Amino acid sequence: MPILVIGGHTRSVGKTSVVAGLIAALPAFHWTALKITQYGHGVCSANGEACDCATSDHSFAVSEERDRSGESDTSRFLVAGADHSWWVRTEQGHLAEAMPRIRKILATTQNAIIESNSILRFMKPDLYLTVLDPQTADFKASAQTFLDRADAVLLHSVENASASYSPPHKTPSSNRTVSCAS
């Protein structure tokens, strides 16, 4: 079963939009989509605010999305046409504990698309795409670690990018850059 991973250098750079766009563009693949969210100290990694993604009784939680309203990221995957959509929440540094459950889900899929950088610590996908936005200076350590493994970089339009932006020194191993409008 082929696995596609979509990562990005920080939050809110369009990773979910890329995942949903690929699912919508390639419906014959019968995607199972997974979104991995890491959190710490009661603060959500998605927006820096207090959240309900933390679990008090263990270090991870996995839930299948059923809502097709499009109001959550995993719901957007279903709206785009995914056969199944899963939300994996782990404490920072505890993704390894969720990997047996993730592997069990992946074993039942025809094609998988995963929104995460950190999953690359535990698997080598068939394709890894990373989303970069030159207008956002923040660069997650996990994105820096795996940037050189990217098969392609999806780069937001740089027309209005700040002249002070300096990408990390690593370059994708394939040396391919794909430009897309933001």
Protein backbone atom coordinates (compact mmCIF):
# COMPACT_ATOMS: atom_id res chain seq x y z
CA MET A 1 0.00 0.00 0.00
CA PRO A 2 1.53 3.34 -1.08
CA ILE A 3 2.00 6.00 1.58
CA LEU A 4 2.18 9.73 0.84
CA VAL A 5 3.30 12.13 3.59
CA ILE A 6 2.64 15.86 3.53
CA GLY A 7 4.67 17.98 5.93
CA GLY A 8 5.38 21.65 6.31
CA HIS A 9 7.75 24.01 8.01
CA THR A 10 5.21 25.35 10.51
CA ARG A 11 1.50 25.42 11.30
CA SER A 12 -0.99 27.16 9.00
CA VAL A 13 1.08 26.89 5.82
CA GLY A 14 -1.48 24.87 3.88
CA LYS A 15 -0.65 21.23 4.67
CA THR A 16 -4.32 20.33 5.16
CA SER A 17 -5.26 22.11 1.91
CA VAL A 18 -2.63 20.12 0.03
CA VAL A 19 -3.86 16.83 1.52
CA ALA A 20 -7.50 17.67 0.72
CA GLY A 21 -6.56 18.84 -2.77
CA LEU A 22 -4.71 15.62 -3.56
CA ILE A 23 -7.56 13.50 -2.23
CA ALA A 24 -10.06 15.44 -4.38
CA ALA A 25 -7.83 15.29 -7.46
CA LEU A 26 -7.17 11.55 -7.16
CA PRO A 27 -10.42 9.90 -6.01
CA ALA A 28 -9.58 6.57 -7.64
CA PHE A 29 -6.91 6.05 -4.99
CA HIS A 30 -9.53 5.48 -2.25
CA TRP A 31 -7.46 7.37 0.31
CA THR A 32 -7.26 6.80 4.02
CA ALA A 33 -6.09 10.08 5.52
CA LEU A 34 -4.36 10.57 8.86
CA LYS A 35 -3.62 13.84 10.61
CA ILE A 36 -1.07 13.67 13.40
CA THR A 37 -1.25 16.38 16.04
CA GLN A 38 1.36 16.63 18.77
CA TYR A 39 0.65 18.61 21.89
CA GLY A 40 2.34 19.50 25.14
CA HIS A 41 1.43 20.90 28.54
CA GLY A 42 -2.27 21.36 27.66
CA VAL A 43 -1.40 23.62 24.74
CA CYS A 44 -2.40 22.58 21.23
CA SER A 45 0.36 22.38 18.68
CA ALA A 46 -2.12 23.53 16.02
CA ASN A 47 -2.80 27.01 17.39
CA GLY A 48 -0.93 27.50 20.66
CA GLU A 49 -4.14 27.73 22.70
CA ALA A 50 -5.66 25.46 25.34
CA CYS A 51 -7.29 22.55 23.59
CA ASP A 52 -9.15 19.29 23.92
CA CYS A 53 -6.64 17.28 21.90
CA ALA A 54 -4.76 16.32 25.04
CA THR A 55 -5.59 13.01 26.64
CA SER A 56 -5.34 12.70 30.40
CA ASP A 57 -5.26 8.94 30.69
CA HIS A 58 -2.55 8.06 28.16
CA SER A 59 0.03 9.61 25.84
CA PHE A 60 -1.95 9.27 22.61
CA ALA A 61 -5.45 8.96 21.20
CA VAL A 62 -6.69 7.86 17.79
CA SER A 63 -10.18 8.56 16.52
CA GLU A 64 -11.89 8.02 13.20
CA GLU A 65 -13.62 11.10 11.81
CA ARG A 66 -17.24 10.60 10.80
CA ASP A 67 -18.37 14.23 10.49
CA ARG A 68 -18.57 15.48 6.89
CA SER A 69 -19.28 19.12 7.72
CA GLY A 70 -15.80 20.25 6.70
CA GLU A 71 -15.35 22.11 9.98
CA SER A 72 -12.25 20.20 11.13
CA ASP A 73 -9.16 19.21 9.18
CA THR A 74 -10.03 15.52 9.29
CA SER A 75 -13.58 16.33 8.22
CA ARG A 76 -12.17 18.26 5.25
CA PHE A 77 -10.41 15.06 4.18
CA LEU A 78 -13.77 13.25 4.09
CA VAL A 79 -15.42 16.11 2.20
CA ALA A 80 -12.58 15.92 -0.35
CA GLY A 81 -13.37 12.24 -0.91
CA ALA A 82 -11.26 10.19 1.50
CA ASP A 83 -12.73 6.78 2.30
CA HIS A 84 -11.56 7.13 5.91
CA SER A 85 -10.03 9.90 7.98
CA TRP A 86 -8.24 9.51 11.32
CA TRP A 87 -7.00 12.03 13.89
CA VAL A 88 -3.96 10.87 15.87
CA ARG A 89 -3.09 12.97 18.93
CA THR A 90 0.14 12.40 20.81
CA GLU A 91 2.14 14.15 23.44
CA GLN A 92 5.30 15.73 22.06
CA GLY A 93 7.93 13.02 21.87
CA HIS A 94 5.45 10.13 22.24
CA LEU A 95 4.53 9.37 18.64
CA ALA A 96 6.35 6.03 18.93
CA GLU A 97 3.67 4.85 21.35
CA ALA A 98 0.96 5.46 18.73
CA MET A 99 2.85 3.74 15.90
CA PRO A 100 1.42 0.23 16.48
CA ARG A 101 -2.11 1.66 16.14
CA ILE A 102 -1.10 3.73 13.10
CA ARG A 103 0.49 0.69 11.45
CA LYS A 104 -2.70 -1.32 12.10
CA ILE A 105 -4.75 1.36 10.34
CA LEU A 106 -2.29 1.53 7.44
CA ALA A 107 -2.39 -2.26 7.01
CA THR A 108 -6.09 -2.04 6.10
CA THR A 109 -5.80 0.77 3.53
CA GLN A 110 -5.49 0.85 -0.22
CA ASN A 111 -3.56 4.17 -0.24
CA ALA A 112 -2.63 6.39 2.69
CA ILE A 113 -1.97 10.10 2.93
CA ILE A 114 -0.56 11.40 6.21
CA GLU A 115 -0.25 15.00 7.38
CA SER A 116 2.86 15.02 9.55
CA ASN A 117 6.60 15.62 9.59
CA SER A 118 7.32 13.52 12.66
CA ILE A 119 5.96 10.29 11.15
CA LEU A 120 9.15 10.26 9.06
CA ARG A 121 11.06 9.18 12.19
CA PHE A 122 9.24 5.85 11.95
CA MET A 123 8.64 5.17 8.27
CA LYS A 124 9.87 5.87 4.78
CA PRO A 125 6.89 6.89 2.66
CA ASP A 126 6.65 6.34 -1.07
CA LEU A 127 6.44 10.12 -1.50
CA TYR A 128 7.15 12.99 0.90
CA LEU A 129 6.06 16.52 0.01
CA THR A 130 6.76 19.52 2.20
CA VAL A 131 4.94 22.87 2.14
CA LEU A 132 6.98 26.04 2.67
CA ASP A 133 5.80 29.63 2.98
CA PRO A 134 8.58 32.25 2.74
CA GLN A 135 6.34 34.76 4.53
CA THR A 136 6.42 32.66 7.70
CA ALA A 137 9.81 32.67 9.40
CA ASP A 138 9.04 29.98 12.03
CA PHE A 139 10.59 26.64 11.06
CA LYS A 140 9.73 23.55 13.15
CA ALA A 141 12.65 21.36 14.15
CA SER A 142 10.88 18.31 12.69
CA ALA A 143 10.56 20.08 9.33
CA GLN A 144 14.25 21.00 9.35
CA THR A 145 15.23 17.46 10.24
CA PHE A 146 13.42 15.93 7.27
CA LEU A 147 13.65 18.67 4.64
CA ASP A 148 16.42 16.84 2.80
CA ARG A 149 14.14 13.79 2.45
CA ALA A 150 11.45 15.71 0.57
CA ASP A 151 10.72 14.43 -2.92
CA ALA A 152 9.32 17.87 -3.77
CA VAL A 153 8.77 21.21 -2.10
CA LEU A 154 5.45 23.00 -2.53
CA LEU A 155 6.36 26.67 -2.25
CA HIS A 156 3.81 29.40 -1.68
CA SER A 157 3.98 32.27 -4.12
CA VAL A 158 7.01 34.40 -3.30
CA GLU A 159 5.83 37.58 -5.06
CA ASN A 160 5.19 39.40 -1.79
CA ALA A 161 7.66 37.47 0.35
CA SER A 162 9.83 39.32 2.79
CA ALA A 163 13.36 39.91 1.57
CA SER A 164 14.59 38.86 5.01
CA TYR A 165 13.40 35.25 4.66
CA SER A 166 16.25 32.78 4.55
CA PRO A 167 15.37 29.11 4.06
CA PRO A 168 17.26 26.49 6.06
CA HIS A 169 20.56 25.28 4.65
CA LYS A 170 19.29 21.79 3.80
CA THR A 171 17.92 21.20 0.34
CA PRO A 172 15.55 18.48 -0.86
CA SER A 173 17.33 15.38 -2.10
CA SER A 174 15.50 15.54 -5.41
CA ASN A 175 16.35 19.23 -5.99
CA ARG A 176 12.84 19.82 -7.35
CA THR A 177 10.72 22.77 -6.35
CA VAL A 178 7.07 23.05 -7.26
CA SER A 179 5.51 26.50 -7.03
CA CYS A 180 1.87 26.94 -6.13
CA ALA A 181 -0.36 29.90 -5.44
CA SER A 182 -1.20 30.55 -1.82
